[in-house]
């Protein structure tokens, strides 16, 4: 069980790092991404730090807010 949590945390952190990387490449603030993705800025902050795991609809909104495919957000991130 603890191993699953460790793996899940690593996946969440990798996803958050990808979101942050793409956001910064686009010169966006967390607030700007939050507005574009129709989520709260605190959610973006927690997402980027790996503290939140988004639902599929939220992944799609974040991807749209970044102007990328959802696949680009998750490509190469292993569960």
PDB file of N, CA and C in Angstrom:
ATOM      1  N   UNK A   1       0.819  -1.196   0.000  1.00  0.00           N
ATOM      2  CA  UNK A   1       0.000   0.000   0.000  1.00  0.00           C
ATOM      3  C   UNK A   1       0.860   1.255   0.000  1.00  0.00           C
ATOM      4  N   UNK A   2       1.864   1.320   0.867  1.00  0.00           N
ATOM      5  CA  UNK A   2       2.734   2.498   0.917  1.00  0.00           C
ATOM      6  C   UNK A   2       3.478   2.670  -0.394  1.00  0.00           C
ATOM      7  N   UNK A   3       3.830   1.542  -1.024  1.00  0.00           N
ATOM      8  CA  UNK A   3       4.528   1.617  -2.312  1.00  0.00           C
ATOM      9  C   UNK A   3       3.647   2.257  -3.365  1.00  0.00           C
ATOM     10  N   UNK A   4       2.356   1.919  -3.350  1.00  0.00           N
ATOM     11  CA  UNK A   4       1.408   2.526  -4.292  1.00  0.00           C
ATOM     12  C   UNK A   4       1.325   4.031  -4.075  1.00  0.00           C
ATOM     13  N   UNK A   5       1.300   4.463  -2.827  1.00  0.00           N
ATOM     14  CA  UNK A   5       1.226   5.901  -2.532  1.00  0.00           C
ATOM     15  C   UNK A   5       2.487   6.611  -3.002  1.00  0.00           C
ATOM     16  N   UNK A   6       3.631   5.962  -2.813  1.00  0.00           N
ATOM     17  CA  UNK A   6       4.892   6.549  -3.260  1.00  0.00           C
ATOM     18  C   UNK A   6       4.900   6.700  -4.766  1.00  0.00           C
ATOM     19  N   UNK A   7       4.437   5.662  -5.458  1.00  0.00           N
ATOM     20  CA  UNK A   7       4.371   5.711  -6.922  1.00  0.00           C
ATOM     21  C   UNK A   7       3.379   6.777  -7.372  1.00  0.00           C
ATOM     22  N   UNK A   8       2.212   6.816  -6.741  1.00  0.00           N
ATOM     23  CA  UNK A   8       1.203   7.810  -7.101  1.00  0.00           C
ATOM     24  C   UNK A   8       1.720   9.225  -6.873  1.00  0.00           C
ATOM     25  N   UNK A   9       2.450   9.427  -5.802  1.00  0.00           N
ATOM     26  CA  UNK A   9       3.014  10.749  -5.516  1.00  0.00           C
ATOM     27  C   UNK A   9       4.038  11.133  -6.590  1.00  0.00           C
ATOM     28  N   UNK A  10       4.854  10.156  -7.008  1.00  0.00           N
ATOM     29  CA  UNK A  10       5.856  10.415  -8.052  1.00  0.00           C
ATOM     30  C   UNK A  10       5.183  10.792  -9.368  1.00  0.00           C
ATOM     31  N   UNK A  11       4.090  10.116  -9.694  1.00  0.00           N
ATOM     32  CA  UNK A  11       3.339  10.430 -10.916  1.00  0.00           C
ATOM     33  C   UNK A  11       2.752  11.833 -10.819  1.00  0.00           C
ATOM     34  N   UNK A  12       2.163  12.164  -9.676  1.00  0.00           N
ATOM     35  CA  UNK A  12       1.577  13.495  -9.485  1.00  0.00           C
ATOM     36  C   UNK A  12       2.645  14.575  -9.594  1.00  0.00           C
ATOM     37  N   UNK A  13       3.822  14.330  -9.028  1.00  0.00           N
ATOM     38  CA  UNK A  13       4.903  15.310  -9.104  1.00  0.00           C
ATOM     39  C   UNK A  13       5.411  15.470 -10.533  1.00  0.00           C
ATOM     40  N   UNK A  14       5.514  14.360 -11.266  1.00  0.00           N
ATOM     41  CA  UNK A  14       5.966  14.428 -12.663  1.00  0.00           C
ATOM     42  C   UNK A  14       4.947  15.189 -13.519  1.00  0.00           C
ATOM     43  N   UNK A  15       3.674  14.923 -13.284  1.00  0.00           N
ATOM     44  CA  UNK A  15       2.636  15.637 -14.025  1.00  0.00           C
ATOM     45  C   UNK A  15       2.689  17.128 -13.709  1.00  0.00           C
ATOM     46  N   UNK A  16       2.811  17.457 -12.438  1.00  0.00           N
ATOM     47  CA  UNK A  16       2.886  18.856 -12.032  1.00  0.00           C
ATOM     48  C   UNK A  16       4.087  19.565 -12.628  1.00  0.00           C
ATOM     49  N   UNK A  17       5.211  18.871 -12.677  1.00  0.00           N
ATOM     50  CA  UNK A  17       6.415  19.455 -13.270  1.00  0.00           C
ATOM     51  C   UNK A  17       6.198  19.722 -14.751  1.00  0.00           C
ATOM     52  N   UNK A  18       5.496  18.829 -15.442  1.00  0.00           N
ATOM     53  CA  UNK A  18       5.201  19.025 -16.857  1.00  0.00           C
ATOM     54  C   UNK A  18       4.306  20.240 -17.054  1.00  0.00           C
ATOM     55  N   UNK A  19       3.287  20.363 -16.217  1.00  0.00           N
ATOM     56  CA  UNK A  19       2.396  21.521 -16.308  1.00  0.00           C
ATOM     57  C   UNK A  19       3.188  22.805 -16.093  1.00  0.00           C
ATOM     58  N   UNK A  20       4.036  22.842 -15.063  1.00  0.00           N
ATOM     59  CA  UNK A  20       4.834  24.026 -14.778  1.00  0.00           C
ATOM     60  C   UNK A  20       5.761  24.356 -15.951  1.00  0.00           C
ATOM     61  N   UNK A  21       6.421  23.337 -16.479  1.00  0.00           N
ATOM     62  CA  UNK A  21       7.337  23.538 -17.611  1.00  0.00           C
ATOM     63  C   UNK A  21       6.611  24.177 -18.796  1.00  0.00           C
ATOM     64  N   UNK A  22       5.475  23.624 -19.152  1.00  0.00           N
ATOM     65  CA  UNK A  22       4.725  24.145 -20.295  1.00  0.00           C
ATOM     66  C   UNK A  22       4.172  25.539 -20.015  1.00  0.00           C
ATOM     67  N   UNK A  23       3.735  25.763 -18.791  1.00  0.00           N
ATOM     68  CA  UNK A  23       3.212  27.084 -18.421  1.00  0.00           C
ATOM     69  C   UNK A  23       4.305  28.137 -18.549  1.00  0.00           C
ATOM     70  N   UNK A  24       5.488  27.824 -18.036  1.00  0.00           N
ATOM     71  CA  UNK A  24       6.587  28.787 -18.095  1.00  0.00           C
ATOM     72  C   UNK A  24       7.062  29.007 -19.522  1.00  0.00           C
ATOM     73  N   UNK A  25       7.079  27.938 -20.336  1.00  0.00           N
ATOM     74  CA  UNK A  25       7.448  28.091 -21.745  1.00  0.00           C
ATOM     75  C   UNK A  25       6.539  29.092 -22.445  1.00  0.00           C
ATOM     76  N   UNK A  26       5.289  29.144 -22.003  1.00  0.00           N
ATOM     77  CA  UNK A  26       4.314  30.032 -22.628  1.00  0.00           C
ATOM     78  C   UNK A  26       4.262  31.404 -21.957  1.00  0.00           C
ATOM     79  N   UNK A  27       5.107  31.603 -20.957  1.00  0.00           N
ATOM     80  CA  UNK A  27       5.136  32.885 -20.267  1.00  0.00           C
ATOM     81  C   UNK A  27       3.887  33.170 -19.458  1.00  0.00           C
ATOM     82  N   UNK A  28       3.245  32.117 -18.996  1.00  0.00           N
ATOM     83  CA  UNK A  28       2.003  32.272 -18.244  1.00  0.00           C
ATOM     84  C   UNK A  28       2.277  32.246 -16.741  1.00  0.00           C
ATOM     85  N   UNK A  29       1.486  32.992 -16.005  1.00  0.00           N
ATOM     86  CA  UNK A  29       1.495  32.887 -14.552  1.00  0.00           C
ATOM     87  C   UNK A  29       0.551  31.771 -14.146  1.00  0.00           C
ATOM     88  N   UNK A  30       0.625  31.370 -12.891  1.00  0.00           N
ATOM     89  CA  UNK A  30      -0.341  30.386 -12.400  1.00  0.00           C
ATOM     90  C   UNK A  30      -1.752  30.943 -12.498  1.00  0.00           C
ATOM     91  N   UNK A  31      -1.889  32.208 -12.223  1.00  0.00           N
ATOM     92  CA  UNK A  31      -3.209  32.848 -12.309  1.00  0.00           C
ATOM     93  C   UNK A  31      -3.723  32.850 -13.743  1.00  0.00           C
ATOM     94  N   UNK A  32      -2.824  33.111 -14.688  1.00  0.00           N
ATOM     95  CA  UNK A  32      -3.214  33.108 -16.094  1.00  0.00           C
ATOM     96  C   UNK A  32      -3.654  31.732 -16.556  1.00  0.00           C
ATOM     97  N   UNK A  33      -2.924  30.714 -16.143  1.00  0.00           N
ATOM     98  CA  UNK A  33      -3.321  29.347 -16.497  1.00  0.00           C
ATOM     99  C   UNK A  33      -4.644  29.000 -15.836  1.00  0.00           C
ATOM    100  N   UNK A  34      -4.794  29.378 -14.587  1.00  0.00           N
ATOM    101  CA  UNK A  34      -6.045  29.087 -13.879  1.00  0.00           C
ATOM    102  C   UNK A  34      -7.237  29.696 -14.612  1.00  0.00           C
ATOM    103  N   UNK A  35      -7.087  30.938 -15.040  1.00  0.00           N
ATOM    104  CA  UNK A  35      -8.172  31.598 -15.765  1.00  0.00           C
ATOM    105  C   UNK A  35      -8.451  30.882 -17.087  1.00  0.00           C
ATOM    106  N   UNK A  36      -7.388  30.555 -17.818  1.00  0.00           N
ATOM    107  CA  UNK A  36      -7.555  29.899 -19.117  1.00  0.00           C
ATOM    108  C   UNK A  36      -8.152  28.499 -18.980  1.00  0.00           C
ATOM    109  N   UNK A  37      -7.831  27.821 -17.889  1.00  0.00           N
ATOM    110  CA  UNK A  37      -8.306  26.448 -17.678  1.00  0.00           C
ATOM    111  C   UNK A  37      -9.597  26.389 -16.865  1.00  0.00           C
ATOM    112  N   UNK A  38     -10.051  27.554 -16.401  1.00  0.00           N
ATOM    113  CA  UNK A  38     -11.264  27.646 -15.590  1.00  0.00           C
ATOM    114  C   UNK A  38     -11.161  26.814 -14.314  1.00  0.00           C
ATOM    115  N   UNK A  39     -10.013  26.974 -13.635  1.00  0.00           N
ATOM    116  CA  UNK A  39      -9.802  26.366 -12.318  1.00  0.00           C
ATOM    117  C   UNK A  39      -9.281  27.469 -11.397  1.00  0.00           C
ATOM    118  N   UNK A  40      -9.205  27.191 -10.122  1.00  0.00           N
ATOM    119  CA  UNK A  40      -8.711  28.168  -9.150  1.00  0.00           C
ATOM    120  C   UNK A  40      -7.188  28.202  -9.182  1.00  0.00           C
ATOM    121  N   UNK A  41      -6.611  29.371  -8.961  1.00  0.00           N
ATOM    122  CA  UNK A  41      -5.155  29.519  -8.973  1.00  0.00           C
ATOM    123  C   UNK A  41      -4.491  28.640  -7.919  1.00  0.00           C
ATOM    124  N   UNK A  42      -5.139  28.462  -6.784  1.00  0.00           N
ATOM    125  CA  UNK A  42      -4.589  27.573  -5.746  1.00  0.00           C
ATOM    126  C   UNK A  42      -4.507  26.147  -6.264  1.00  0.00           C
ATOM    127  N   UNK A  43      -5.468  25.750  -7.067  1.00  0.00           N
ATOM    128  CA  UNK A  43      -5.440  24.407  -7.644  1.00  0.00           C
ATOM    129  C   UNK A  43      -4.220  24.248  -8.542  1.00  0.00           C
ATOM    130  N   UNK A  44      -3.923  25.244  -9.360  1.00  0.00           N
ATOM    131  CA  UNK A  44      -2.756  25.176 -10.244  1.00  0.00           C
ATOM    132  C   UNK A  44      -1.491  25.049  -9.407  1.00  0.00           C
ATOM    133  N   UNK A  45      -1.382  25.829  -8.361  1.00  0.00           N
ATOM    134  CA  UNK A  45      -0.219  25.760  -7.479  1.00  0.00           C
ATOM    135  C   UNK A  45      -0.072  24.363  -6.884  1.00  0.00           C
ATOM    136  N   UNK A  46      -1.159  23.834  -6.355  1.00  0.00           N
ATOM    137  CA  UNK A  46      -1.123  22.490  -5.756  1.00  0.00           C
ATOM    138  C   UNK A  46      -0.849  21.411  -6.802  1.00  0.00           C
ATOM    139  N   UNK A  47      -1.380  21.590  -7.981  1.00  0.00           N
ATOM    140  CA  UNK A  47      -1.147  20.650  -9.078  1.00  0.00           C
ATOM    141  C   UNK A  47       0.333  20.613  -9.445  1.00  0.00           C
ATOM    142  N   UNK A  48       0.925  21.775  -9.597  1.00  0.00           N
ATOM    143  CA  UNK A  48       2.328  21.850  -9.991  1.00  0.00           C
ATOM    144  C   UNK A  48       3.256  21.272  -8.925  1.00  0.00           C
ATOM    145  N   UNK A  49       2.854  21.316  -7.677  1.00  0.00           N
ATOM    146  CA  UNK A  49       3.676  20.766  -6.605  1.00  0.00           C
ATOM    147  C   UNK A  49       3.397  19.288  -6.346  1.00  0.00           C
ATOM    148  N   UNK A  50       2.473  18.725  -7.111  1.00  0.00           N
ATOM    149  CA  UNK A  50       2.160  17.307  -6.957  1.00  0.00           C
ATOM    150  C   UNK A  50       1.249  17.002  -5.792  1.00  0.00           C
ATOM    151  N   UNK A  51       0.584  18.033  -5.264  1.00  0.00           N
ATOM    152  CA  UNK A  51      -0.314  17.843  -4.127  1.00  0.00           C
ATOM    153  C   UNK A  51      -1.730  17.473  -4.547  1.00  0.00           C
ATOM    154  N   UNK A  52      -2.057  17.695  -5.810  1.00  0.00           N
ATOM    155  CA  UNK A  52      -3.391  17.374  -6.321  1.00  0.00           C
ATOM    156  C   UNK A  52      -3.252  16.490  -7.545  1.00  0.00           C
ATOM    157  N   UNK A  53      -4.182  15.569  -7.686  1.00  0.00           N
ATOM    158  CA  UNK A  53      -4.253  14.707  -8.861  1.00  0.00           C
ATOM    159  C   UNK A  53      -5.550  15.064  -9.577  1.00  0.00           C
ATOM    160  N   UNK A  54      -5.442  15.585 -10.791  1.00  0.00           N
ATOM    161  CA  UNK A  54      -6.641  16.066 -11.478  1.00  0.00           C
ATOM    162  C   UNK A  54      -7.467  14.931 -12.068  1.00  0.00           C
ATOM    163  N   UNK A  55      -8.756  15.183 -12.177  1.00  0.00           N
ATOM    164  CA  UNK A  55      -9.642  14.271 -12.897  1.00  0.00           C
ATOM    165  C   UNK A  55      -9.380  14.438 -14.396  1.00  0.00           C
ATOM    166  N   UNK A  56      -9.872  13.509 -15.180  1.00  0.00           N
ATOM    167  CA  UNK A  56      -9.692  13.606 -16.629  1.00  0.00           C
ATOM    168  C   UNK A  56     -10.277  14.903 -17.191  1.00  0.00           C
ATOM    169  N   UNK A  57     -11.492  15.305 -16.815  1.00  0.00           N
ATOM    170  CA  UNK A  57     -12.001  16.576 -17.339  1.00  0.00           C
ATOM    171  C   UNK A  57     -11.087  17.761 -16.988  1.00  0.00           C
ATOM    172  N   UNK A  58     -10.482  17.727 -15.817  1.00  0.00           N
ATOM    173  CA  UNK A  58      -9.581  18.807 -15.430  1.00  0.00           C
ATOM    174  C   UNK A  58      -8.291  18.757 -16.235  1.00  0.00           C
ATOM    175  N   UNK A  59      -7.778  17.560 -16.497  1.00  0.00           N
ATOM    176  CA  UNK A  59      -6.595  17.435 -17.358  1.00  0.00           C
ATOM    177  C   UNK A  59      -6.897  18.060 -18.717  1.00  0.00           C
ATOM    178  N   UNK A  60      -8.070  17.797 -19.251  1.00  0.00           N
ATOM    179  CA  UNK A  60      -8.449  18.358 -20.549  1.00  0.00           C
ATOM    180  C   UNK A  60      -8.539  19.879 -20.498  1.00  0.00           C
ATOM    181  N   UNK A  61      -9.071  20.430 -19.392  1.00  0.00           N
ATOM    182  CA  UNK A  61      -9.159  21.888 -19.256  1.00  0.00           C
ATOM    183  C   UNK A  61      -7.777  22.513 -19.126  1.00  0.00           C
ATOM    184  N   UNK A  62      -6.895  21.877 -18.361  1.00  0.00           N
ATOM    185  CA  UNK A  62      -5.532  22.390 -18.201  1.00  0.00           C
ATOM    186  C   UNK A  62      -4.804  22.346 -19.545  1.00  0.00           C
ATOM    187  N   UNK A  63      -4.958  21.241 -20.258  1.00  0.00           N
ATOM    188  CA  UNK A  63      -4.324  21.128 -21.576  1.00  0.00           C
ATOM    189  C   UNK A  63      -4.820  22.231 -22.508  1.00  0.00           C
ATOM    190  N   UNK A  64      -6.126  22.453 -22.525  1.00  0.00           N
ATOM    191  CA  UNK A  64      -6.689  23.511 -23.373  1.00  0.00           C
ATOM    192  C   UNK A  64      -6.152  24.874 -22.950  1.00  0.00           C
ATOM    193  N   UNK A  65      -6.056  25.090 -21.639  1.00  0.00           N
ATOM    194  CA  UNK A  65      -5.532  26.354 -21.138  1.00  0.00           C
ATOM    195  C   UNK A  65      -4.091  26.595 -21.554  1.00  0.00           C
ATOM    196  N   UNK A  66      -3.333  25.514 -21.685  1.00  0.00           N
ATOM    197  CA  UNK A  66      -1.942  25.608 -22.122  1.00  0.00           C
ATOM    198  C   UNK A  66      -1.802  25.582 -23.642  1.00  0.00           C
ATOM    199  N   UNK A  67      -2.889  25.239 -24.325  1.00  0.00           N
ATOM    200  CA  UNK A  67      -2.846  25.161 -25.784  1.00  0.00           C
ATOM    201  C   UNK A  67      -2.118  23.931 -26.295  1.00  0.00           C
ATOM    202  N   UNK A  68      -2.209  22.831 -25.535  1.00  0.00           N
ATOM    203  CA  UNK A  68      -1.573  21.579 -25.932  1.00  0.00           C
ATOM    204  C   UNK A  68      -2.594  20.451 -25.836  1.00  0.00           C
ATOM    205  N   UNK A  69      -2.239  19.302 -26.392  1.00  0.00           N
ATOM    206  CA  UNK A  69      -3.104  18.136 -26.251  1.00  0.00           C
ATOM    207  C   UNK A  69      -2.922  17.539 -24.856  1.00  0.00           C
ATOM    208  N   UNK A  70      -3.925  16.835 -24.392  1.00  0.00           N
ATOM    209  CA  UNK A  70      -3.800  16.141 -23.109  1.00  0.00           C
ATOM    210  C   UNK A  70      -2.672  15.126 -23.174  1.00  0.00           C
ATOM    211  N   UNK A  71      -2.472  14.538 -24.338  1.00  0.00           N
ATOM    212  CA  UNK A  71      -1.387  13.586 -24.511  1.00  0.00           C
ATOM    213  C   UNK A  71      -0.030  14.206 -24.237  1.00  0.00           C
ATOM    214  N   UNK A  72       0.132  15.464 -24.609  1.00  0.00           N
ATOM    215  CA  UNK A  72       1.406  16.155 -24.354  1.00  0.00           C
ATOM    216  C   UNK A  72       1.659  16.286 -22.859  1.00  0.00           C
ATOM    217  N   UNK A  73       0.592  16.427 -22.080  1.00  0.00           N
ATOM    218  CA  UNK A  73       0.747  16.554 -20.633  1.00  0.00           C
ATOM    219  C   UNK A  73       1.186  15.250 -19.985  1.00  0.00           C
ATOM    220  N   UNK A  74       0.749  14.129 -20.534  1.00  0.00           N
ATOM    221  CA  UNK A  74       1.011  12.848 -19.876  1.00  0.00           C
ATOM    222  C   UNK A  74       2.031  11.979 -20.585  1.00  0.00           C
ATOM    223  N   UNK A  75       2.447  12.338 -21.791  1.00  0.00           N
ATOM    224  CA  UNK A  75       3.378  11.521 -22.549  1.00  0.00           C
ATOM    225  C   UNK A  75       4.671  11.301 -21.763  1.00  0.00           C
ATOM    226  N   UNK A  76       5.017  10.042 -21.572  1.00  0.00           N
ATOM    227  CA  UNK A  76       6.264   9.687 -20.898  1.00  0.00           C
ATOM    228  C   UNK A  76       6.159   9.593 -19.402  1.00  0.00           C
ATOM    229  N   UNK A  77       5.037   9.965 -18.828  1.00  0.00           N
ATOM    230  CA  UNK A  77       4.859   9.826 -17.388  1.00  0.00           C
ATOM    231  C   UNK A  77       4.333   8.428 -17.116  1.00  0.00           C
ATOM    232  N   UNK A  78       5.108   7.664 -16.385  1.00  0.00           N
ATOM    233  CA  UNK A  78       4.778   6.263 -16.133  1.00  0.00           C
ATOM    234  C   UNK A  78       4.094   6.091 -14.788  1.00  0.00           C
ATOM    235  N   UNK A  79       3.027   5.308 -14.781  1.00  0.00           N
ATOM    236  CA  UNK A  79       2.365   4.953 -13.531  1.00  0.00           C
ATOM    237  C   UNK A  79       3.056   3.769 -13.004  1.00  0.00           C
TER     238      UNK A  79
END
